[in-house]
C-alpha cells in the first residue's frame, strides 16, 4: 500500500522548535516502512480550528493524482 505522510503543528513556534513534527514523522515513516511505501510527505503549520485550509486541500489533490500513476 502507498501512503502520504501529513504532519501538522499549530504554531510557528512549534514548527521552528521541531516540537511534535519529528515524533510525527518518525511514527509515520516506521508505519509506512512496515506496511507499504511512503510516497510523499506534507507539513502544515496551521491551526486545526480553521476549516478553510486551501493549501492542505491542494496538496491532497496533488498527492492523490500522483498515487494513480
Foldseek 3Di string as FASTA:
>chain_A
DEDEAEEEDAAPVCVVVVVRVVVSVVVVVVVCVVPHYYPYYYYYHHHPVDPPDPVVVVVVVVVVVVVVD
